Amino acid sequence: MPTAKEVMIPLIVRAEGAAPLTSVRVAFEHAAVDVPFAETTPRHEKTEDPVGERFQWVYSSKDAYEHIYLNHGEDLKKGGGGRSCLNG
């Protein structure tokens, strides 16, 4: 999770400095359920399918977020999508 200092950096400052638009970092890991992980285990592949799409995720009655995917390719790693808290 980001530090309190990282969270307090305004979005406009991040954008002006060509920094990622979020201080949250993520790593995607591959796994298998109920079978050993092997070379033949399906893996998540990179995709640009969500670009131009909006998704609303409702996590509870108090937390709902809208994710908007704006950019292609390498821009996605630099925060090319947007999130807004709709409730919570």
C-alpha atoms as a PDB file:
ATOM      1  CA  MET A   1       0.000   0.000   0.000  1.00  0.00           C
ATOM      2  CA  PRO A   2       1.153   3.564  -0.598  1.00  0.00           C
ATOM      3  CA  THR A   3       2.491   5.654   2.243  1.00  0.00           C
ATOM      4  CA  ALA A   4       0.491   8.562   3.643  1.00  0.00           C
ATOM      5  CA  LYS A   5       2.945  10.941   1.939  1.00  0.00           C
ATOM      6  CA  GLU A   6       2.414   9.256  -1.467  1.00  0.00           C
ATOM      7  CA  VAL A   7      -1.367   9.401  -1.119  1.00  0.00           C
ATOM      8  CA  MET A   8      -1.281  13.141  -0.457  1.00  0.00           C
ATOM      9  CA  ILE A   9       0.314  14.015  -3.830  1.00  0.00           C
ATOM     10  CA  PRO A  10      -2.426  15.786  -5.831  1.00  0.00           C
ATOM     11  CA  LEU A  11      -3.484  14.222  -9.124  1.00  0.00           C
ATOM     12  CA  ILE A  12      -2.619  17.414 -11.033  1.00  0.00           C
ATOM     13  CA  VAL A  13       0.954  17.292  -9.663  1.00  0.00           C
ATOM     14  CA  ARG A  14       1.277  13.676 -10.776  1.00  0.00           C
ATOM     15  CA  ALA A  15      -0.051  14.499 -14.257  1.00  0.00           C
ATOM     16  CA  GLU A  16       2.174  17.554 -14.697  1.00  0.00           C
ATOM     17  CA  GLY A  17       5.213  15.492 -13.714  1.00  0.00           C
ATOM     18  CA  ALA A  18       4.271  12.614 -16.062  1.00  0.00           C
ATOM     19  CA  ALA A  19       4.104  10.398 -12.978  1.00  0.00           C
ATOM     20  CA  PRO A  20       1.692   7.483 -12.571  1.00  0.00           C
ATOM     21  CA  LEU A  21      -1.727   8.860 -11.690  1.00  0.00           C
ATOM     22  CA  THR A  22      -1.974   6.583  -8.677  1.00  0.00           C
ATOM     23  CA  SER A  23       0.458   5.666  -5.917  1.00  0.00           C
ATOM     24  CA  VAL A  24      -0.960   2.148  -5.717  1.00  0.00           C
ATOM     25  CA  ARG A  25       1.335  -0.530  -7.125  1.00  0.00           C
ATOM     26  CA  VAL A  26       0.169  -3.934  -8.301  1.00  0.00           C
ATOM     27  CA  ALA A  27       1.757  -7.182  -9.428  1.00  0.00           C
ATOM     28  CA  PHE A  28      -0.240  -9.856 -11.219  1.00  0.00           C
ATOM     29  CA  GLU A  29       0.679 -13.412 -10.349  1.00  0.00           C
ATOM     30  CA  HIS A  30      -0.388 -16.573 -12.118  1.00  0.00           C
ATOM     31  CA  ALA A  31      -1.796 -19.473 -10.114  1.00  0.00           C
ATOM     32  CA  ALA A  32      -3.814 -22.656 -10.374  1.00  0.00           C
ATOM     33  CA  VAL A  33      -6.687 -23.869  -8.216  1.00  0.00           C
ATOM     34  CA  ASP A  34      -6.944 -27.507  -7.128  1.00  0.00           C
ATOM     35  CA  VAL A  35      -4.197 -28.585  -9.568  1.00  0.00           C
ATOM     36  CA  PRO A  36      -0.428 -28.099  -9.611  1.00  0.00           C
ATOM     37  CA  PHE A  37       0.802 -25.010 -11.437  1.00  0.00           C
ATOM     38  CA  ALA A  38       2.513 -26.095 -14.669  1.00  0.00           C
ATOM     39  CA  GLU A  39       3.769 -24.755 -17.997  1.00  0.00           C
ATOM     40  CA  THR A  40       0.335 -25.575 -19.461  1.00  0.00           C
ATOM     41  CA  THR A  41      -1.578 -23.626 -16.793  1.00  0.00           C
ATOM     42  CA  PRO A  42      -3.515 -20.786 -18.491  1.00  0.00           C
ATOM     43  CA  ARG A  43      -2.100 -17.341 -17.738  1.00  0.00           C
ATOM     44  CA  HIS A  44      -3.522 -13.843 -17.861  1.00  0.00           C
ATOM     45  CA  GLU A  45      -2.389 -12.140 -21.041  1.00  0.00           C
ATOM     46  CA  LYS A  46      -1.953  -8.417 -21.655  1.00  0.00           C
ATOM     47  CA  THR A  47      -4.942  -6.926 -23.396  1.00  0.00           C
ATOM     48  CA  GLU A  48      -6.275  -3.597 -24.536  1.00  0.00           C
ATOM     49  CA  ASP A  49      -9.868  -4.870 -24.542  1.00  0.00           C
ATOM     50  CA  PRO A  50     -11.076  -2.515 -21.791  1.00  0.00           C
ATOM     51  CA  VAL A  51      -9.763   0.652 -23.508  1.00  0.00           C
ATOM     52  CA  GLY A  52     -12.670   2.996 -24.074  1.00  0.00           C
ATOM     53  CA  GLU A  53     -14.858   1.134 -21.590  1.00  0.00           C
ATOM     54  CA  ARG A  54     -16.354   2.126 -18.252  1.00  0.00           C
ATOM     55  CA  PHE A  55     -16.983  -0.381 -15.491  1.00  0.00           C
ATOM     56  CA  GLN A  56     -18.746   0.122 -12.191  1.00  0.00           C
ATOM     57  CA  TRP A  57     -17.684  -2.185  -9.377  1.00  0.00           C
ATOM     58  CA  VAL A  58     -19.894  -2.299  -6.304  1.00  0.00           C
ATOM     59  CA  TYR A  59     -17.958  -3.849  -3.448  1.00  0.00           C
ATOM     60  CA  SER A  60     -20.566  -3.295  -0.740  1.00  0.00           C
ATOM     61  CA  SER A  61     -23.572  -1.118   0.027  1.00  0.00           C
ATOM     62  CA  LYS A  62     -21.096   1.608   1.023  1.00  0.00           C
ATOM     63  CA  ASP A  63     -18.370   1.247  -1.626  1.00  0.00           C
ATOM     64  CA  ALA A  64     -18.816   1.668  -5.372  1.00  0.00           C
ATOM     65  CA  TYR A  65     -16.136   2.673  -7.898  1.00  0.00           C
ATOM     66  CA  GLU A  66     -16.179   3.501 -11.578  1.00  0.00           C
ATOM     67  CA  HIS A  67     -13.126   2.506 -13.629  1.00  0.00           C
ATOM     68  CA  ILE A  68     -12.589   4.233 -16.964  1.00  0.00           C
ATOM     69  CA  TYR A  69      -9.913   2.824 -19.295  1.00  0.00           C
ATOM     70  CA  LEU A  70      -8.577   5.616 -21.486  1.00  0.00           C
ATOM     71  CA  ASN A  71      -5.263   4.676 -23.099  1.00  0.00           C
ATOM     72  CA  HIS A  72      -3.544   1.925 -25.052  1.00  0.00           C
ATOM     73  CA  GLY A  73      -0.319  -0.003 -24.558  1.00  0.00           C
ATOM     74  CA  GLU A  74       2.385   1.280 -22.265  1.00  0.00           C
ATOM     75  CA  ASP A  75       0.203   4.197 -21.184  1.00  0.00           C
ATOM     76  CA  LEU A  76      -1.905   1.756 -19.153  1.00  0.00           C
ATOM     77  CA  LYS A  77       1.109   1.068 -16.913  1.00  0.00           C
ATOM     78  CA  LYS A  78       1.512   4.795 -16.339  1.00  0.00           C
ATOM     79  CA  GLY A  79      -2.019   5.285 -15.056  1.00  0.00           C
ATOM     80  CA  GLY A  80      -3.859   5.536 -18.374  1.00  0.00           C
ATOM     81  CA  GLY A  81      -7.138   4.652 -16.724  1.00  0.00           C
ATOM     82  CA  GLY A  82      -9.185   6.518 -14.223  1.00  0.00           C
ATOM     83  CA  ARG A  83     -11.105   5.576 -11.135  1.00  0.00           C
ATOM     84  CA  SER A  84     -13.680   7.557  -9.268  1.00  0.00           C
ATOM     85  CA  CYS A  85     -15.330   6.710  -6.010  1.00  0.00           C
ATOM     86  CA  LEU A  86     -19.074   6.794  -6.560  1.00  0.00           C
ATOM     87  CA  ASN A  87     -19.948   5.914  -2.975  1.00  0.00           C
ATOM     88  CA  GLY A  88     -17.843   5.095   0.046  1.00  0.00           C
END
